[in-house]
Amino acid sequence: MIKKIFPILALSIFSAMLGIGIIAPLLPLYAENLGASGIWIGIIFGAFSISRAAFVPLFGRLSDRSGRKIFLSIGLLSYSVISLGYIWANSVEQLTLIRLIHGAAAGMILPIAQAYVGDLSPAGEEGKWMGYFNAAFFTGFGFGPLMGGILTEHLGMTAAFSAMGGLNLLAFLLVLLWLPEIEPSKIAQDHHASLLKPLTSSVVRGLFSFRLAFSMGRGIFVTFLPIFAMVYVGLGPTHIGILLAVTILLMSILQAFTGNIADKLNRRMLVILGSLINVIFLALIPFGHSFWQLLALCAVGGIGGAISMPAASALNVEEGRKFGMGSTLGIFTMAFSIGMAAGPILSGFAADFINIDSVFYLGAGAGVIGTSLLIFYFTRG
C-alpha cells in the first residue's frame, strides 16, 4: 500500500516545502527592511517554531485518534491563505503575528505526513521510506531558497510570497483529492495516554536531544547566514539562495541512499556521526570569506544531515509503534520546533551584543551538548 500512497504524499509535501523554502533567504532581509534588529529577527523566525512546538503534540495525538488526512488538509490550506499575510505585514509586530499563525498551521503538516509514512513502512524498511520522505521534504525546501532568490531579484518579494501561496494551494488539492485516509486499525487508539508518554523512552529522549540541538544550529544557519553572506562577504540574494539550497538539496538527495544504509548499519551510530559533522560545519562558517568557501561548508552541513536524519527518523518510527506514530513523531517535531525557535532568538542576542561570528559558535556549542545527551540516553536505552 505504501507504494501507492507515497508518490501522492511525497509530491504534496514537495510542493508545500518548495513554497515555504521560497521565503527562507528573504525573511531576514524583509525583516531588516521593516526595521528589525538582530533580536527581532530572531523573534520573527522563532515565533513560527514556538507556536508549532505548542500545537504539534496535540495535533499528532489527535491524528492518532481521528485520522491523518483532515489535519494535513487543513494545515496545507491554512498555509496557502497565510501566505497573503506576508504581503500585508508592514511592521515587525505584524510580521511576528503572521509567523505565529503560520507556525500553528505547521503543526498539522510535517509530523502528520511523517506519521502517514511511519504507519505504512514495513518492518526493517523504516530507514528507506523515511529517507525517501525526507528527500521529498528537503528537496522542496532546498529548491525554494534558489527560486525565492531569483524571484525576488527579478520580480520583487511580493511575487515570492504569492508563489508560496500558490504552491501550498496545489499541495492542499493533491492531498484533498487523491490521498486516501489510513485505516483506523493502523492508528493508536489509547485515549488515556499522555501527550508526552513517548518521552518515557530513553531512545526518544536521546533523539529529542539530538533533534533540538540540530535544529537550533540549522535555525541559526538559516536566519543569520543570509546576513553574514550579504554584509560580510558581499553576496547577493541569488548567491545566498544557492548556499541555502546546496545545504538542503545535498541533504535531501543523499537521503535517498542513506535511508537504505540506515536499514543495514547501526542507526544509533549514524545519528551520532551526523551530529558531530553538524558541529564542525557550524563552527567553521565564520572562517568562510568567499562564496566558494561557504559553498564547501554548506556541502559538509548537507552531508551531516543526510547521515543522521534517516537513521533518527527510522528509530522514531520504531518507537512510534509502541506509543502511537503521530504522538511520537509529534515529539520529534516538537524538538525541531523548540530548537528552531531558541536558536534564532538566542543568536539574535549574540549578534547584537557580541558579533555575527558568535551566533555560529553558539550553534556549534548547542550541537556538542546535544550529541553528549544523545550518547548518554542511547547507552541507557
Protein backbone atom coordinates (compact mmCIF):
# COMPACT_ATOMS: atom_id res chain seq x y z
CA MET A 1 0.00 0.00 0.00
CA ILE A 2 2.83 2.41 0.77
CA LYS A 3 3.99 2.28 -2.87
CA LYS A 4 0.58 3.61 -3.98
CA ILE A 5 0.21 6.32 -1.33
CA PHE A 6 3.78 7.54 -1.10
CA PRO A 7 4.02 9.32 -4.51
CA ILE A 8 0.95 11.43 -3.71
CA LEU A 9 2.20 12.27 -0.23
CA ALA A 10 5.73 13.00 -1.46
CA LEU A 11 4.53 15.27 -4.26
CA SER A 12 2.24 17.24 -1.95
CA ILE A 13 4.97 17.69 0.68
CA PHE A 14 7.49 18.65 -2.00
CA SER A 15 5.12 21.33 -3.30
CA ALA A 16 4.37 22.66 0.19
CA MET A 17 8.02 22.81 1.21
CA LEU A 18 9.01 24.43 -2.09
CA GLY A 19 6.60 27.20 -1.16
CA ILE A 20 7.95 27.53 2.38
CA GLY A 21 11.55 27.41 1.20
CA ILE A 22 10.98 30.34 -1.14
CA ILE A 23 10.93 32.81 1.76
CA ALA A 24 13.97 31.36 3.61
CA PRO A 25 16.54 33.76 2.08
CA LEU A 26 14.05 36.64 2.04
CA LEU A 27 12.68 36.79 5.55
CA PRO A 28 15.80 38.15 7.35
CA LEU A 29 16.21 40.81 4.66
CA TYR A 30 12.47 41.57 4.66
CA ALA A 31 12.55 41.94 8.45
CA GLU A 32 15.58 44.23 8.26
CA ASN A 33 13.73 46.42 5.76
CA LEU A 34 10.93 46.75 8.34
CA GLY A 35 13.50 47.96 10.89
CA ALA A 36 14.10 44.72 12.82
CA SER A 37 17.21 44.43 14.99
CA GLY A 38 19.11 41.16 15.38
CA ILE A 39 16.95 40.27 18.38
CA TRP A 40 13.74 40.98 16.48
CA ILE A 41 14.93 38.93 13.51
CA GLY A 42 15.45 36.04 15.91
CA ILE A 43 11.99 36.56 17.41
CA ILE A 44 10.36 36.68 13.96
CA PHE A 45 12.00 33.41 12.97
CA GLY A 46 11.40 31.87 16.37
CA ALA A 47 7.70 32.79 16.51
CA PHE A 48 6.90 30.22 13.82
CA SER A 49 8.60 27.44 15.74
CA ILE A 50 7.24 28.47 19.14
CA SER A 51 3.64 28.12 18.01
CA ARG A 52 4.41 24.93 16.10
CA ALA A 53 6.03 23.42 19.21
CA ALA A 54 2.93 24.32 21.24
CA PHE A 55 0.46 22.66 18.87
CA VAL A 56 2.32 19.75 17.31
CA PRO A 57 1.96 17.23 20.20
CA LEU A 58 -1.79 17.92 20.30
CA PHE A 59 -2.31 17.55 16.55
CA GLY A 60 -0.12 14.45 16.45
CA ARG A 61 -2.17 12.82 19.20
CA LEU A 62 -5.49 13.83 17.64
CA SER A 63 -4.39 12.38 14.31
CA ASP A 64 -3.73 9.05 16.08
CA ARG A 65 -7.35 9.07 17.19
CA SER A 66 -9.24 10.74 14.35
CA GLY A 67 -7.18 10.15 11.22
CA ARG A 68 -4.40 11.96 9.40
CA LYS A 69 -5.97 13.40 6.25
CA ILE A 70 -8.25 16.01 7.83
CA PHE A 71 -5.39 17.66 9.75
CA LEU A 72 -2.98 17.56 6.83
CA SER A 73 -5.59 19.11 4.53
CA ILE A 74 -6.47 21.92 6.95
CA GLY A 75 -2.79 22.67 7.56
CA LEU A 76 -1.95 22.97 3.87
CA LEU A 77 -4.98 25.15 3.11
CA SER A 78 -4.06 27.40 6.03
CA TYR A 79 -0.51 27.69 4.69
CA SER A 80 -1.88 28.99 1.41
CA VAL A 81 -4.11 31.62 2.99
CA ILE A 82 -1.44 32.74 5.47
CA SER A 83 0.96 33.46 2.59
CA LEU A 84 -1.10 36.56 1.83
CA GLY A 85 -0.33 37.85 5.31
CA TYR A 86 3.34 38.27 4.49
CA ILE A 87 2.38 40.70 1.73
CA TRP A 88 0.03 42.57 4.09
CA ALA A 89 2.51 42.89 7.00
CA ASN A 90 4.11 46.34 7.18
CA SER A 91 5.65 46.29 10.67
CA VAL A 92 7.84 44.00 12.76
CA GLU A 93 4.91 43.25 15.09
CA GLN A 94 2.57 42.29 12.24
CA LEU A 95 5.22 40.05 10.69
CA THR A 96 5.70 38.32 14.06
CA LEU A 97 1.94 37.72 14.33
CA ILE A 98 1.87 36.18 10.85
CA ARG A 99 4.73 33.88 11.83
CA LEU A 100 2.87 32.76 14.96
CA ILE A 101 -0.23 31.85 12.94
CA HIS A 102 1.89 30.17 10.28
CA GLY A 103 3.61 28.03 12.91
CA ALA A 104 0.31 26.83 14.37
CA ALA A 105 -0.75 25.61 10.92
CA ALA A 106 2.62 23.90 10.50
CA GLY A 107 1.79 21.67 13.47
CA MET A 108 -0.70 19.88 11.23
CA ILE A 109 1.71 19.12 8.37
CA LEU A 110 5.19 17.68 8.98
CA PRO A 111 4.54 15.24 11.89
CA ILE A 112 1.29 14.01 10.39
CA ALA A 113 2.82 13.49 6.94
CA GLN A 114 5.67 11.58 8.62
CA ALA A 115 3.15 9.53 10.58
CA TYR A 116 1.47 8.53 7.31
CA VAL A 117 4.78 7.09 6.13
CA GLY A 118 5.60 5.56 9.51
CA ASP A 119 2.24 3.79 9.71
CA LEU A 120 2.77 2.13 6.34
CA SER A 121 6.53 1.42 6.40
CA PRO A 122 7.26 -2.36 6.52
CA ALA A 123 9.35 -3.51 9.47
CA GLY A 124 13.04 -3.32 8.59
CA GLU A 125 12.44 -0.69 5.88
CA GLU A 126 11.79 2.31 8.11
CA GLY A 127 15.05 4.00 7.10
CA LYS A 128 14.35 3.51 3.40
CA TRP A 129 10.88 5.07 3.39
CA MET A 130 11.66 7.83 5.89
CA GLY A 131 14.74 8.60 3.82
CA TYR A 132 12.57 8.92 0.72
CA PHE A 133 10.13 11.12 2.61
CA ASN A 134 12.90 13.34 3.95
CA ALA A 135 14.32 13.57 0.43
CA ALA A 136 10.99 14.88 -0.89
CA PHE A 137 10.63 17.24 2.07
CA PHE A 138 14.12 18.71 1.90
CA THR A 139 14.27 18.80 -1.91
CA GLY A 140 11.24 21.06 -1.93
CA PHE A 141 12.63 23.19 0.87
CA GLY A 142 16.04 23.23 -0.85
CA PHE A 143 14.84 24.42 -4.25
CA GLY A 144 12.73 27.04 -2.50
CA PRO A 145 15.58 29.41 -1.50
CA LEU A 146 17.02 29.29 -5.01
CA MET A 147 13.61 30.03 -6.51
CA GLY A 148 12.95 32.73 -3.91
CA GLY A 149 16.26 34.46 -4.55
CA ILE A 150 15.63 34.58 -8.31
CA LEU A 151 12.01 35.73 -7.95
CA THR A 152 12.97 38.49 -5.53
CA GLU A 153 15.87 39.73 -7.62
CA HIS A 154 13.78 39.96 -10.80
CA LEU A 155 10.15 40.41 -9.69
CA GLY A 156 10.27 41.53 -6.04
CA MET A 157 9.28 39.99 -2.70
CA THR A 158 5.54 40.14 -3.38
CA ALA A 159 5.98 37.69 -6.26
CA ALA A 160 7.89 35.31 -3.99
CA PHE A 161 5.20 35.38 -1.28
CA SER A 162 2.48 34.87 -3.92
CA ALA A 163 4.36 31.85 -5.29
CA MET A 164 4.46 30.38 -1.78
CA GLY A 165 0.68 30.68 -1.53
CA GLY A 166 0.07 29.07 -4.91
CA LEU A 167 2.34 26.11 -4.26
CA ASN A 168 0.71 25.39 -0.90
CA LEU A 169 -2.71 25.55 -2.52
CA LEU A 170 -1.53 22.95 -5.04
CA ALA A 171 -0.33 20.72 -2.20
CA PHE A 172 -3.72 21.04 -0.48
CA LEU A 173 -5.55 19.97 -3.64
CA LEU A 174 -3.28 16.95 -4.11
CA VAL A 175 -3.99 15.75 -0.57
CA LEU A 176 -7.72 16.52 -0.67
CA LEU A 177 -8.39 14.81 -3.99
CA TRP A 178 -6.00 11.88 -4.11
CA LEU A 179 -4.57 10.98 -0.71
CA PRO A 180 -6.57 8.17 0.96
CA GLU A 181 -7.16 8.05 4.69
CA ILE A 182 -5.28 5.45 6.71
CA GLU A 183 -7.36 2.58 8.07
CA PRO A 184 -8.35 3.22 11.72
CA SER A 185 -6.84 -0.13 12.71
CA LYS A 186 -3.42 1.26 11.92
CA ILE A 187 -3.77 4.17 14.31
CA ALA A 188 -3.09 4.06 18.07
CA GLN A 189 -6.40 4.41 19.92
CA ASP A 190 -5.36 4.77 23.57
CA HIS A 191 -7.41 7.83 24.59
CA HIS A 192 -5.93 7.95 28.10
CA ALA A 193 -2.23 8.12 27.21
CA SER A 194 -0.35 11.33 27.95
CA LEU A 195 0.67 13.53 25.04
CA LEU A 196 4.26 13.25 26.28
CA LYS A 197 4.25 9.50 27.01
CA PRO A 198 6.86 8.78 24.29
CA LEU A 199 9.41 10.69 26.39
CA THR A 200 9.41 7.81 28.88
CA SER A 201 11.63 6.04 26.34
CA SER A 202 15.38 6.69 26.64
CA VAL A 203 15.69 6.35 22.88
CA VAL A 204 13.07 9.06 22.32
CA ARG A 205 14.81 11.29 24.87
CA GLY A 206 18.11 10.86 23.05
CA LEU A 207 16.52 11.63 19.71
CA PHE A 208 14.73 14.62 21.24
CA SER A 209 18.10 15.99 22.45
CA PHE A 210 19.67 15.42 19.03
CA ARG A 211 16.81 17.00 17.11
CA LEU A 212 16.62 20.01 19.41
CA ALA A 213 20.36 20.75 19.11
CA PHE A 214 20.44 20.01 15.38
CA SER A 215 17.52 22.34 14.69
CA MET A 216 19.00 25.07 16.88
CA GLY A 217 22.05 25.02 14.65
CA ARG A 218 20.01 24.95 11.45
CA GLY A 219 17.76 27.74 12.70
CA ILE A 220 20.80 29.89 13.39
CA PHE A 221 22.24 29.00 9.99
CA VAL A 222 19.10 29.86 8.02
CA THR A 223 18.49 33.07 9.98
CA PHE A 224 21.96 34.58 10.02
CA LEU A 225 23.82 33.11 7.06
CA PRO A 226 21.98 35.49 4.65
CA ILE A 227 23.09 38.48 6.75
CA PHE A 228 26.65 37.14 7.19
CA ALA A 229 26.92 36.42 3.47
CA MET A 230 25.48 39.77 2.36
CA VAL A 231 27.11 42.14 4.88
CA TYR A 232 30.49 40.46 5.49
CA VAL A 233 31.10 38.54 2.25
CA GLY A 234 29.24 40.82 -0.17
CA LEU A 235 26.94 38.25 -1.78
CA GLY A 236 23.57 38.97 -3.40
CA PRO A 237 20.19 37.21 -2.99
CA THR A 238 20.83 34.68 -5.77
CA HIS A 239 24.17 33.53 -4.31
CA ILE A 240 22.62 33.38 -0.84
CA GLY A 241 19.79 31.27 -2.23
CA ILE A 242 22.35 28.93 -3.79
CA LEU A 243 24.16 28.48 -0.47
CA LEU A 244 20.96 27.58 1.39
CA ALA A 245 19.79 25.39 -1.48
CA VAL A 246 23.05 23.41 -1.64
CA THR A 247 22.89 22.57 2.06
CA ILE A 248 19.30 21.41 1.91
CA LEU A 249 19.37 19.77 -1.52
CA LEU A 250 22.51 17.78 -0.83
CA MET A 251 20.98 16.56 2.41
CA SER A 252 17.77 15.64 0.63
CA ILE A 253 19.26 13.90 -2.40
CA LEU A 254 21.66 11.83 -0.33
CA GLN A 255 18.85 10.63 1.93
CA ALA A 256 17.50 8.50 -0.91
CA PHE A 257 20.69 6.45 -0.40
CA THR A 258 21.46 6.95 3.30
CA GLY A 259 17.95 5.77 4.19
CA ASN A 260 18.83 2.33 2.85
CA ILE A 261 22.14 2.46 4.71
CA ALA A 262 20.23 3.18 7.93
CA ASP A 263 18.39 -0.15 7.47
CA LYS A 264 21.70 -2.03 7.22
CA LEU A 265 24.08 -0.32 9.65
CA ASN A 266 23.85 0.73 13.29
CA ARG A 267 21.27 3.53 13.29
CA ARG A 268 22.40 4.99 16.60
CA MET A 269 25.99 5.36 15.43
CA LEU A 270 24.82 7.06 12.23
CA VAL A 271 22.86 9.63 14.23
CA ILE A 272 25.90 10.36 16.41
CA LEU A 273 28.22 10.66 13.39
CA GLY A 274 25.91 13.05 11.56
CA SER A 275 25.50 15.15 14.70
CA LEU A 276 29.28 15.55 15.07
CA ILE A 277 29.64 16.60 11.42
CA ASN A 278 26.99 19.25 12.01
CA VAL A 279 29.03 20.69 14.90
CA ILE A 280 32.10 21.03 12.67
CA PHE A 281 30.06 22.63 9.88
CA LEU A 282 28.68 25.38 12.13
CA ALA A 283 31.98 26.08 13.89
CA LEU A 284 33.77 26.74 10.58
CA ILE A 285 31.23 29.13 9.00
CA PRO A 286 32.90 32.30 10.44
CA PHE A 287 36.05 31.30 8.55
CA GLY A 288 34.23 31.35 5.19
CA HIS A 289 35.30 34.57 3.47
CA SER A 290 34.16 33.84 -0.08
CA PHE A 291 31.24 32.28 -1.90
CA TRP A 292 33.23 29.13 -2.69
CA GLN A 293 34.43 28.63 0.88
CA LEU A 294 30.89 29.00 2.18
CA LEU A 295 29.65 26.66 -0.54
CA ALA A 296 32.09 23.95 0.57
CA LEU A 297 30.99 24.34 4.19
CA CYS A 298 27.34 24.18 3.19
CA ALA A 299 28.06 20.90 1.41
CA VAL A 300 29.57 19.50 4.63
CA GLY A 301 26.43 20.54 6.51
CA GLY A 302 24.27 18.77 3.95
CA ILE A 303 26.25 15.54 4.30
CA GLY A 304 25.94 15.62 8.09
CA GLY A 305 22.18 15.94 7.88
CA ALA A 306 21.93 13.18 5.27
CA ILE A 307 23.77 10.75 7.52
CA SER A 308 21.80 11.45 10.70
CA MET A 309 18.21 12.21 9.67
CA PRO A 310 17.05 8.91 8.07
CA ALA A 311 18.54 6.91 10.93
CA ALA A 312 16.92 9.19 13.53
CA SER A 313 13.56 9.05 11.72
CA ALA A 314 13.71 5.26 11.49
CA LEU A 315 14.41 4.97 15.22
CA ASN A 316 11.42 7.22 15.87
CA VAL A 317 9.17 5.02 13.73
CA GLU A 318 10.24 2.00 15.79
CA GLU A 319 9.28 3.84 18.98
CA GLY A 320 6.11 5.12 17.33
CA ARG A 321 4.81 1.58 17.03
CA LYS A 322 4.88 1.43 20.84
CA PHE A 323 3.44 4.85 21.73
CA GLY A 324 1.43 5.96 18.67
CA MET A 325 3.01 7.16 15.46
CA GLY A 326 1.51 10.65 15.49
CA SER A 327 2.41 11.21 19.15
CA THR A 328 5.99 10.01 18.82
CA LEU A 329 6.76 11.85 15.60
CA GLY A 330 4.99 14.85 17.08
CA ILE A 331 7.51 14.84 19.94
CA PHE A 332 10.33 14.68 17.38
CA THR A 333 8.85 17.65 15.53
CA MET A 334 8.33 19.49 18.81
CA ALA A 335 12.08 19.21 19.47
CA PHE A 336 12.68 20.54 15.97
CA SER A 337 10.34 23.45 16.63
CA ILE A 338 11.84 24.35 20.01
CA GLY A 339 15.32 24.34 18.51
CA MET A 340 14.23 26.42 15.52
CA ALA A 341 12.75 28.93 17.96
CA ALA A 342 15.52 29.02 20.55
CA GLY A 343 18.37 29.12 18.04
CA PRO A 344 17.38 32.32 16.20
CA ILE A 345 16.25 34.12 19.38
CA LEU A 346 19.40 33.36 21.40
CA SER A 347 21.64 34.06 18.45
CA GLY A 348 19.83 37.36 17.90
CA PHE A 349 21.07 38.48 21.33
CA ALA A 350 24.56 37.18 20.49
CA ALA A 351 24.58 39.08 17.19
CA ASP A 352 23.51 42.35 18.82
CA PHE A 353 25.73 42.19 21.90
CA ILE A 354 28.79 40.25 20.67
CA ASN A 355 29.17 39.81 16.89
CA ILE A 356 27.85 37.82 13.95
CA ASP A 357 30.52 35.11 14.30
CA SER A 358 29.32 34.26 17.81
CA VAL A 359 25.94 33.04 16.52
CA PHE A 360 27.56 30.15 14.66
CA TYR A 361 29.74 29.23 17.64
CA LEU A 362 26.56 29.20 19.72
CA GLY A 363 25.05 26.68 17.29
CA ALA A 364 28.16 24.50 17.41
CA GLY A 365 28.13 24.58 21.23
CA ALA A 366 24.49 23.50 21.29
CA GLY A 367 25.46 20.64 18.97
CA VAL A 368 28.15 19.46 21.38
CA ILE A 369 25.65 19.39 24.26
CA GLY A 370 23.01 17.66 22.15
CA THR A 371 25.43 14.99 20.96
CA SER A 372 26.58 14.35 24.53
CA LEU A 373 22.99 13.87 25.71
CA LEU A 374 22.27 11.68 22.70
CA ILE A 375 25.12 9.33 23.60
CA PHE A 376 24.10 9.34 27.27
CA TYR A 377 20.49 8.32 26.57
CA PHE A 378 21.44 5.80 23.90
CA THR A 379 23.65 3.98 26.42
CA ARG A 380 20.65 3.74 28.80
CA GLY A 381 18.02 2.57 26.33
